Amino acid sequence: MATVSMRIDEALISAARTAAKAECRTVQGQVEFWAKVGRAALDNPDLPASFIAESLIGLAEPRADSAPFVPRSHINAVKA
């Protein structure tokens, strides 16, 4: 992947550094994640940013680690 140098406000980098530690990302990865969430939020103004962020995280997970979706109605029908 090609890289580009950018000037970014130190306050934003500091916030990204803090968030990156909590999310086990690099500072660059955190800024990229925020950019993806922001772009998706602008493209989908009806969706909450938290939903967009969780969706992007889910899409990044390896398929082997994911569990199939089971609707609650199906779970309740099996228990009954």
PDB file of N, CA and C in Angstrom:
ATOM      1  N   MET A   1       0.850  -1.174   0.000  1.00  0.00           N
ATOM      2  CA  MET A   1       0.000   0.000   0.000  1.00  0.00           C
ATOM      3  C   MET A   1       0.892   1.232   0.000  1.00  0.00           C
ATOM      4  N   ALA A   2       0.552   2.170  -0.823  1.00  0.00           N
ATOM      5  CA  ALA A   2       1.303   3.420  -0.887  1.00  0.00           C
ATOM      6  C   ALA A   2       0.992   4.274   0.336  1.00  0.00           C
ATOM      7  N   THR A   3       1.952   5.044   0.764  1.00  0.00           N
ATOM      8  CA  THR A   3       1.753   5.942   1.900  1.00  0.00           C
ATOM      9  C   THR A   3       1.925   7.381   1.454  1.00  0.00           C
ATOM     10  N   VAL A   4       1.293   8.262   2.188  1.00  0.00           N
ATOM     11  CA  VAL A   4       1.352   9.686   1.915  1.00  0.00           C
ATOM     12  C   VAL A   4       1.565  10.404   3.231  1.00  0.00           C
ATOM     13  N   SER A   5       2.456  11.368   3.247  1.00  0.00           N
ATOM     14  CA  SER A   5       2.665  12.176   4.446  1.00  0.00           C
ATOM     15  C   SER A   5       1.620  13.275   4.488  1.00  0.00           C
ATOM     16  N   MET A   6       1.070  13.522   5.691  1.00  0.00           N
ATOM     17  CA  MET A   6       0.062  14.567   5.876  1.00  0.00           C
ATOM     18  C   MET A   6       0.358  15.330   7.150  1.00  0.00           C
ATOM     19  N   ARG A   7      -0.076  16.572   7.184  1.00  0.00           N
ATOM     20  CA  ARG A   7      -0.015  17.352   8.425  1.00  0.00           C
ATOM     21  C   ARG A   7      -1.368  17.215   9.107  1.00  0.00           C
ATOM     22  N   ILE A   8      -1.334  16.742  10.325  1.00  0.00           N
ATOM     23  CA  ILE A   8      -2.561  16.561  11.099  1.00  0.00           C
ATOM     24  C   ILE A   8      -2.358  17.229  12.447  1.00  0.00           C
ATOM     25  N   ASP A   9      -3.389  17.897  12.913  1.00  0.00           N
ATOM     26  CA  ASP A   9      -3.342  18.597  14.187  1.00  0.00           C
ATOM     27  C   ASP A   9      -2.875  17.667  15.303  1.00  0.00           C
ATOM     28  N   GLU A  10      -1.982  18.155  16.149  1.00  0.00           N
ATOM     29  CA  GLU A  10      -1.416  17.339  17.229  1.00  0.00           C
ATOM     30  C   GLU A  10      -2.485  16.837  18.192  1.00  0.00           C
ATOM     31  N   ALA A  11      -3.537  17.635  18.419  1.00  0.00           N
ATOM     32  CA  ALA A  11      -4.616  17.189  19.316  1.00  0.00           C
ATOM     33  C   ALA A  11      -5.309  15.952  18.760  1.00  0.00           C
ATOM     34  N   LEU A  12      -5.501  15.905  17.440  1.00  0.00           N
ATOM     35  CA  LEU A  12      -6.125  14.736  16.823  1.00  0.00           C
ATOM     36  C   LEU A  12      -5.215  13.519  16.929  1.00  0.00           C
ATOM     37  N   ILE A  13      -3.940  13.718  16.713  1.00  0.00           N
ATOM     38  CA  ILE A  13      -2.978  12.614  16.830  1.00  0.00           C
ATOM     39  C   ILE A  13      -2.930  12.103  18.267  1.00  0.00           C
ATOM     40  N   SER A  14      -2.973  13.010  19.227  1.00  0.00           N
ATOM     41  CA  SER A  14      -2.971  12.608  20.635  1.00  0.00           C
ATOM     42  C   SER A  14      -4.209  11.779  20.966  1.00  0.00           C
ATOM     43  N   ALA A  15      -5.369  12.221  20.482  1.00  0.00           N
ATOM     44  CA  ALA A  15      -6.604  11.458  20.705  1.00  0.00           C
ATOM     45  C   ALA A  15      -6.528  10.104  20.010  1.00  0.00           C
ATOM     46  N   ALA A  16      -5.963  10.075  18.808  1.00  0.00           N
ATOM     47  CA  ALA A  16      -5.817   8.814  18.077  1.00  0.00           C
ATOM     48  C   ALA A  16      -4.866   7.871  18.799  1.00  0.00           C
ATOM     49  N   ARG A  17      -3.815   8.421  19.371  1.00  0.00           N
ATOM     50  CA  ARG A  17      -2.851   7.598  20.124  1.00  0.00           C
ATOM     51  C   ARG A  17      -3.537   6.924  21.304  1.00  0.00           C
ATOM     52  N   THR A  18      -4.364   7.676  22.029  1.00  0.00           N
ATOM     53  CA  THR A  18      -5.096   7.123  23.176  1.00  0.00           C
ATOM     54  C   THR A  18      -6.083   6.046  22.729  1.00  0.00           C
ATOM     55  N   ALA A  19      -6.867   6.352  21.696  1.00  0.00           N
ATOM     56  CA  ALA A  19      -7.854   5.394  21.197  1.00  0.00           C
ATOM     57  C   ALA A  19      -7.178   4.164  20.602  1.00  0.00           C
ATOM     58  N   ALA A  20      -6.049   4.362  19.938  1.00  0.00           N
ATOM     59  CA  ALA A  20      -5.340   3.245  19.321  1.00  0.00           C
ATOM     60  C   ALA A  20      -4.874   2.236  20.366  1.00  0.00           C
ATOM     61  N   LYS A  21      -4.410   2.725  21.506  1.00  0.00           N
ATOM     62  CA  LYS A  21      -3.997   1.818  22.580  1.00  0.00           C
ATOM     63  C   LYS A  21      -5.174   0.967  23.054  1.00  0.00           C
ATOM     64  N   ALA A  22      -6.326   1.601  23.240  1.00  0.00           N
ATOM     65  CA  ALA A  22      -7.502   0.893  23.730  1.00  0.00           C
ATOM     66  C   ALA A  22      -8.022  -0.113  22.708  1.00  0.00           C
ATOM     67  N   GLU A  23      -7.852   0.189  21.423  1.00  0.00           N
ATOM     68  CA  GLU A  23      -8.385  -0.660  20.360  1.00  0.00           C
ATOM     69  C   GLU A  23      -7.340  -1.590  19.748  1.00  0.00           C
ATOM     70  N   CYS A  24      -6.126  -1.591  20.303  1.00  0.00           N
ATOM     71  CA  CYS A  24      -5.021  -2.426  19.803  1.00  0.00           C
ATOM     72  C   CYS A  24      -4.744  -2.167  18.322  1.00  0.00           C
ATOM     73  N   ARG A  25      -4.711  -0.887  17.969  1.00  0.00           N
ATOM     74  CA  ARG A  25      -4.381  -0.473  16.609  1.00  0.00           C
ATOM     75  C   ARG A  25      -3.147   0.419  16.662  1.00  0.00           C
ATOM     76  N   THR A  26      -2.549   0.646  15.507  1.00  0.00           N
ATOM     77  CA  THR A  26      -1.518   1.659  15.405  1.00  0.00           C
ATOM     78  C   THR A  26      -2.212   3.019  15.336  1.00  0.00           C
ATOM     79  N   VAL A  27      -1.460   4.077  15.553  1.00  0.00           N
ATOM     80  CA  VAL A  27      -2.035   5.419  15.433  1.00  0.00           C
ATOM     81  C   VAL A  27      -2.534   5.619  14.003  1.00  0.00           C
ATOM     82  N   GLN A  28      -1.743   5.200  13.030  1.00  0.00           N
ATOM     83  CA  GLN A  28      -2.153   5.297  11.631  1.00  0.00           C
ATOM     84  C   GLN A  28      -3.432   4.498  11.394  1.00  0.00           C
ATOM     85  N   GLY A  29      -3.499   3.289  11.944  1.00  0.00           N
ATOM     86  CA  GLY A  29      -4.696   2.465  11.790  1.00  0.00           C
ATOM     87  C   GLY A  29      -5.914   3.104  12.421  1.00  0.00           C
ATOM     88  N   GLN A  30      -5.725   3.789  13.546  1.00  0.00           N
ATOM     89  CA  GLN A  30      -6.843   4.448  14.215  1.00  0.00           C
ATOM     90  C   GLN A  30      -7.376   5.608  13.378  1.00  0.00           C
ATOM     91  N   VAL A  31      -6.470   6.416  12.836  1.00  0.00           N
ATOM     92  CA  VAL A  31      -6.886   7.541  11.995  1.00  0.00           C
ATOM     93  C   VAL A  31      -7.590   7.019  10.740  1.00  0.00           C
ATOM     94  N   GLU A  32      -7.074   5.942  10.155  1.00  0.00           N
ATOM     95  CA  GLU A  32      -7.720   5.340   8.981  1.00  0.00           C
ATOM     96  C   GLU A  32      -9.116   4.828   9.339  1.00  0.00           C
ATOM     97  N   PHE A  33      -9.257   4.199  10.500  1.00  0.00           N
ATOM     98  CA  PHE A  33     -10.556   3.695  10.934  1.00  0.00           C
ATOM     99  C   PHE A  33     -11.543   4.844  11.105  1.00  0.00           C
ATOM    100  N   TRP A  34     -11.101   5.915  11.772  1.00  0.00           N
ATOM    101  CA  TRP A  34     -11.975   7.081  11.934  1.00  0.00           C
ATOM    102  C   TRP A  34     -12.392   7.651  10.584  1.00  0.00           C
ATOM    103  N   ALA A  35     -11.467   7.677   9.641  1.00  0.00           N
ATOM    104  CA  ALA A  35     -11.780   8.199   8.307  1.00  0.00           C
ATOM    105  C   ALA A  35     -12.827   7.324   7.623  1.00  0.00           C
ATOM    106  N   LYS A  36     -12.692   6.008   7.747  1.00  0.00           N
ATOM    107  CA  LYS A  36     -13.679   5.095   7.150  1.00  0.00           C
ATOM    108  C   LYS A  36     -15.048   5.263   7.791  1.00  0.00           C
ATOM    109  N   VAL A  37     -15.081   5.382   9.128  1.00  0.00           N
ATOM    110  CA  VAL A  37     -16.350   5.588   9.826  1.00  0.00           C
ATOM    111  C   VAL A  37     -16.977   6.909   9.387  1.00  0.00           C
ATOM    112  N   GLY A  38     -16.172   7.960   9.320  1.00  0.00           N
ATOM    113  CA  GLY A  38     -16.676   9.266   8.906  1.00  0.00           C
ATOM    114  C   GLY A  38     -17.222   9.250   7.496  1.00  0.00           C
ATOM    115  N   ARG A  39     -16.517   8.611   6.586  1.00  0.00           N
ATOM    116  CA  ARG A  39     -16.978   8.530   5.200  1.00  0.00           C
ATOM    117  C   ARG A  39     -18.283   7.749   5.112  1.00  0.00           C
ATOM    118  N   ALA A  40     -18.358   6.619   5.821  1.00  0.00           N
ATOM    119  CA  ALA A  40     -19.588   5.827   5.805  1.00  0.00           C
ATOM    120  C   ALA A  40     -20.740   6.575   6.470  1.00  0.00           C
ATOM    121  N   ALA A  41     -20.446   7.351   7.518  1.00  0.00           N
ATOM    122  CA  ALA A  41     -21.493   8.132   8.195  1.00  0.00           C
ATOM    123  C   ALA A  41     -22.038   9.216   7.263  1.00  0.00           C
ATOM    124  N   LEU A  42     -21.178   9.836   6.483  1.00  0.00           N
ATOM    125  CA  LEU A  42     -21.640  10.839   5.526  1.00  0.00           C
ATOM    126  C   LEU A  42     -22.477  10.195   4.414  1.00  0.00           C
ATOM    127  N   ASP A  43     -22.106   8.986   4.025  1.00  0.00           N
ATOM    128  CA  ASP A  43     -22.851   8.274   2.990  1.00  0.00           C
ATOM    129  C   ASP A  43     -24.173   7.718   3.504  1.00  0.00           C
ATOM    130  N   ASN A  44     -24.284   7.529   4.830  1.00  0.00           N
ATOM    131  CA  ASN A  44     -25.472   6.931   5.445  1.00  0.00           C
ATOM    132  C   ASN A  44     -25.898   7.759   6.652  1.00  0.00           C
ATOM    133  N   PRO A  45     -26.403   8.956   6.445  1.00  0.00           N
ATOM    134  CA  PRO A  45     -26.706   9.848   7.568  1.00  0.00           C
ATOM    135  C   PRO A  45     -27.807   9.343   8.497  1.00  0.00           C
ATOM    136  N   ASP A  46     -28.566   8.353   8.061  1.00  0.00           N
ATOM    137  CA  ASP A  46     -29.636   7.802   8.893  1.00  0.00           C
ATOM    138  C   ASP A  46     -29.133   6.760   9.886  1.00  0.00           C
ATOM    139  N   LEU A  47     -27.901   6.320   9.751  1.00  0.00           N
ATOM    140  CA  LEU A  47     -27.352   5.303  10.651  1.00  0.00           C
ATOM    141  C   LEU A  47     -26.501   5.938  11.739  1.00  0.00           C
ATOM    142  N   PRO A  48     -26.585   5.421  12.981  1.00  0.00           N
ATOM    143  CA  PRO A  48     -25.720   5.936  14.053  1.00  0.00           C
ATOM    144  C   PRO A  48     -24.252   5.589  13.779  1.00  0.00           C
ATOM    145  N   ALA A  49     -23.365   6.478  14.143  1.00  0.00           N
ATOM    146  CA  ALA A  49     -21.931   6.246  13.931  1.00  0.00           C
ATOM    147  C   ALA A  49     -21.465   4.985  14.657  1.00  0.00           C
ATOM    148  N   SER A  50     -22.026   4.693  15.826  1.00  0.00           N
ATOM    149  CA  SER A  50     -21.623   3.488  16.562  1.00  0.00           C
ATOM    150  C   SER A  50     -21.977   2.225  15.784  1.00  0.00           C
ATOM    151  N   PHE A  51     -23.139   2.234  15.113  1.00  0.00           N
ATOM    152  CA  PHE A  51     -23.530   1.088  14.294  1.00  0.00           C
ATOM    153  C   PHE A  51     -22.570   0.919  13.123  1.00  0.00           C
ATOM    154  N   ILE A  52     -22.204   2.030  12.506  1.00  0.00           N
ATOM    155  CA  ILE A  52     -21.268   1.989  11.383  1.00  0.00           C
ATOM    156  C   ILE A  52     -19.918   1.453  11.846  1.00  0.00           C
ATOM    157  N   ALA A  53     -19.432   1.934  12.975  1.00  0.00           N
ATOM    158  CA  ALA A  53     -18.136   1.483  13.491  1.00  0.00           C
ATOM    159  C   ALA A  53     -18.156  -0.013  13.780  1.00  0.00           C
ATOM    160  N   GLU A  54     -19.203  -0.482  14.453  1.00  0.00           N
ATOM    161  CA  GLU A  54     -19.296  -1.916  14.764  1.00  0.00           C
ATOM    162  C   GLU A  54     -19.412  -2.754  13.498  1.00  0.00           C
ATOM    163  N   SER A  55     -20.120  -2.239  12.504  1.00  0.00           N
ATOM    164  CA  SER A  55     -20.253  -2.960  11.237  1.00  0.00           C
ATOM    165  C   SER A  55     -18.904  -3.077  10.534  1.00  0.00           C
ATOM    166  N   LEU A  56     -18.140  -2.004  10.524  1.00  0.00           N
ATOM    167  CA  LEU A  56     -16.812  -2.047   9.900  1.00  0.00           C
ATOM    168  C   LEU A  56     -15.887  -3.010  10.635  1.00  0.00           C
ATOM    169  N   ILE A  57     -15.979  -3.025  11.952  1.00  0.00           N
ATOM    170  CA  ILE A  57     -15.170  -3.967  12.735  1.00  0.00           C
ATOM    171  C   ILE A  57     -15.572  -5.394  12.401  1.00  0.00           C
ATOM    172  N   GLY A  58     -16.874  -5.633  12.316  1.00  0.00           N
ATOM    173  CA  GLY A  58     -17.360  -6.976  11.979  1.00  0.00           C
ATOM    174  C   GLY A  58     -16.922  -7.415  10.589  1.00  0.00           C
ATOM    175  N   LEU A  59     -16.946  -6.505   9.640  1.00  0.00           N
ATOM    176  CA  LEU A  59     -16.520  -6.843   8.288  1.00  0.00           C
ATOM    177  C   LEU A  59     -15.035  -7.178   8.223  1.00  0.00           C
ATOM    178  N   ALA A  60     -14.245  -6.629   9.140  1.00  0.00           N
ATOM    179  CA  ALA A  60     -12.802  -6.875   9.149  1.00  0.00           C
ATOM    180  C   ALA A  60     -12.432  -8.197   9.817  1.00  0.00           C
ATOM    181  N   GLU A  61     -13.374  -8.805  10.553  1.00  0.00           N
ATOM    182  CA  GLU A  61     -13.083 -10.069  11.230  1.00  0.00           C
ATOM    183  C   GLU A  61     -12.957 -11.197  10.218  1.00  0.00           C
ATOM    184  N   PRO A  62     -12.034 -12.124  10.465  1.00  0.00           N
ATOM    185  CA  PRO A  62     -11.924 -13.286   9.578  1.00  0.00           C
ATOM    186  C   PRO A  62     -13.214 -14.102   9.616  1.00  0.00           C
ATOM    187  N   ARG A  63     -13.641 -14.591   8.482  1.00  0.00           N
ATOM    188  CA  ARG A  63     -14.879 -15.381   8.401  1.00  0.00           C
ATOM    189  C   ARG A  63     -14.851 -16.592   9.332  1.00  0.00           C
ATOM    190  N   ALA A  64     -13.681 -17.195   9.499  1.00  0.00           N
ATOM    191  CA  ALA A  64     -13.577 -18.391  10.341  1.00  0.00           C
ATOM    192  C   ALA A  64     -13.902 -18.086  11.801  1.00  0.00           C
ATOM    193  N   ASP A  65     -13.705 -16.826  12.232  1.00  0.00           N
ATOM    194  CA  ASP A  65     -13.954 -16.443  13.615  1.00  0.00           C
ATOM    195  C   ASP A  65     -15.379 -15.982  13.863  1.00  0.00           C
ATOM    196  N   SER A  66     -16.184 -15.878  12.823  1.00  0.00           N
ATOM    197  CA  SER A  66     -17.530 -15.333  12.986  1.00  0.00           C
ATOM    198  C   SER A  66     -18.548 -16.435  13.227  1.00  0.00           C
ATOM    199  N   ALA A  67     -19.621 -16.061  13.904  1.00  0.00           N
ATOM    200  CA  ALA A  67     -20.724 -16.991  14.165  1.00  0.00           C
ATOM    201  C   ALA A  67     -21.868 -16.655  13.220  1.00  0.00           C
ATOM    202  N   PRO A  68     -22.597 -17.654  12.770  1.00  0.00           N
ATOM    203  CA  PRO A  68     -23.721 -17.376  11.874  1.00  0.00           C
ATOM    204  C   PRO A  68     -24.820 -16.615  12.601  1.00  0.00           C
ATOM    205  N   PHE A  69     -25.541 -15.783  11.868  1.00  0.00           N
ATOM    206  CA  PHE A  69     -26.654 -15.030  12.434  1.00  0.00           C
ATOM    207  C   PHE A  69     -27.840 -15.961  12.629  1.00  0.00           C
ATOM    208  N   VAL A  70     -28.408 -15.924  13.838  1.00  0.00           N
ATOM    209  CA  VAL A  70     -29.611 -16.700  14.137  1.00  0.00           C
ATOM    210  C   VAL A  70     -30.636 -15.725  14.699  1.00  0.00           C
ATOM    211  N   PRO A  71     -31.771 -15.522  13.993  1.00  0.00           N
ATOM    212  CA  PRO A  71     -32.787 -14.596  14.490  1.00  0.00           C
ATOM    213  C   PRO A  71     -33.326 -15.025  15.843  1.00  0.00           C
ATOM    214  N   ARG A  72     -33.686 -14.059  16.676  1.00  0.00           N
ATOM    215  CA  ARG A  72     -34.231 -14.373  18.003  1.00  0.00           C
ATOM    216  C   ARG A  72     -35.498 -15.208  17.907  1.00  0.00           C
ATOM    217  N   SER A  73     -36.292 -14.966  16.878  1.00  0.00           N
ATOM    218  CA  SER A  73     -37.529 -15.739  16.741  1.00  0.00           C
ATOM    219  C   SER A  73     -37.226 -17.222  16.574  1.00  0.00           C
ATOM    220  N   HIS A  74     -36.136 -17.543  15.910  1.00  0.00           N
ATOM    221  CA  HIS A  74     -35.746 -18.942  15.732  1.00  0.00           C
ATOM    222  C   HIS A  74     -35.252 -19.538  17.054  1.00  0.00           C
ATOM    223  N   ILE A  75     -34.482 -18.753  17.805  1.00  0.00           N
ATOM    224  CA  ILE A  75     -33.965 -19.226  19.088  1.00  0.00           C
ATOM    225  C   ILE A  75     -35.138 -19.507  20.041  1.00  0.00           C
ATOM    226  N   ASN A  76     -36.095 -18.606  20.123  1.00  0.00           N
ATOM    227  CA  ASN A  76     -37.247 -18.792  20.990  1.00  0.00           C
ATOM    228  C   ASN A  76     -38.098 -19.976  20.560  1.00  0.00           C
ATOM    229  N   ALA A  77     -38.210 -20.230  19.264  1.00  0.00           N
ATOM    230  CA  ALA A  77     -39.003 -21.361  18.770  1.00  0.00           C
ATOM    231  C   ALA A  77     -38.347 -22.682  19.135  1.00  0.00           C
ATOM    232  N   VAL A  78     -37.016 -22.736  19.134  1.00  0.00           N
ATOM    233  CA  VAL A  78     -36.273 -23.956  19.467  1.00  0.00           C
ATOM    234  C   VAL A  78     -36.416 -24.259  20.952  1.00  0.00           C
ATOM    235  N   LYS A  79     -36.408 -23.218  21.806  1.00  0.00           N
ATOM    236  CA  LYS A  79     -36.510 -23.406  23.261  1.00  0.00           C
ATOM    237  C   LYS A  79     -37.904 -23.874  23.670  1.00  0.00           C
ATOM    238  N   ALA A  80     -38.927 -23.504  22.930  1.00  0.00           N
ATOM    239  CA  ALA A  80     -40.311 -23.806  23.309  1.00  0.00           C
ATOM    240  C   ALA A  80     -40.675 -25.249  23.087  1.00  0.00           C
TER     241      ALA A  80
END
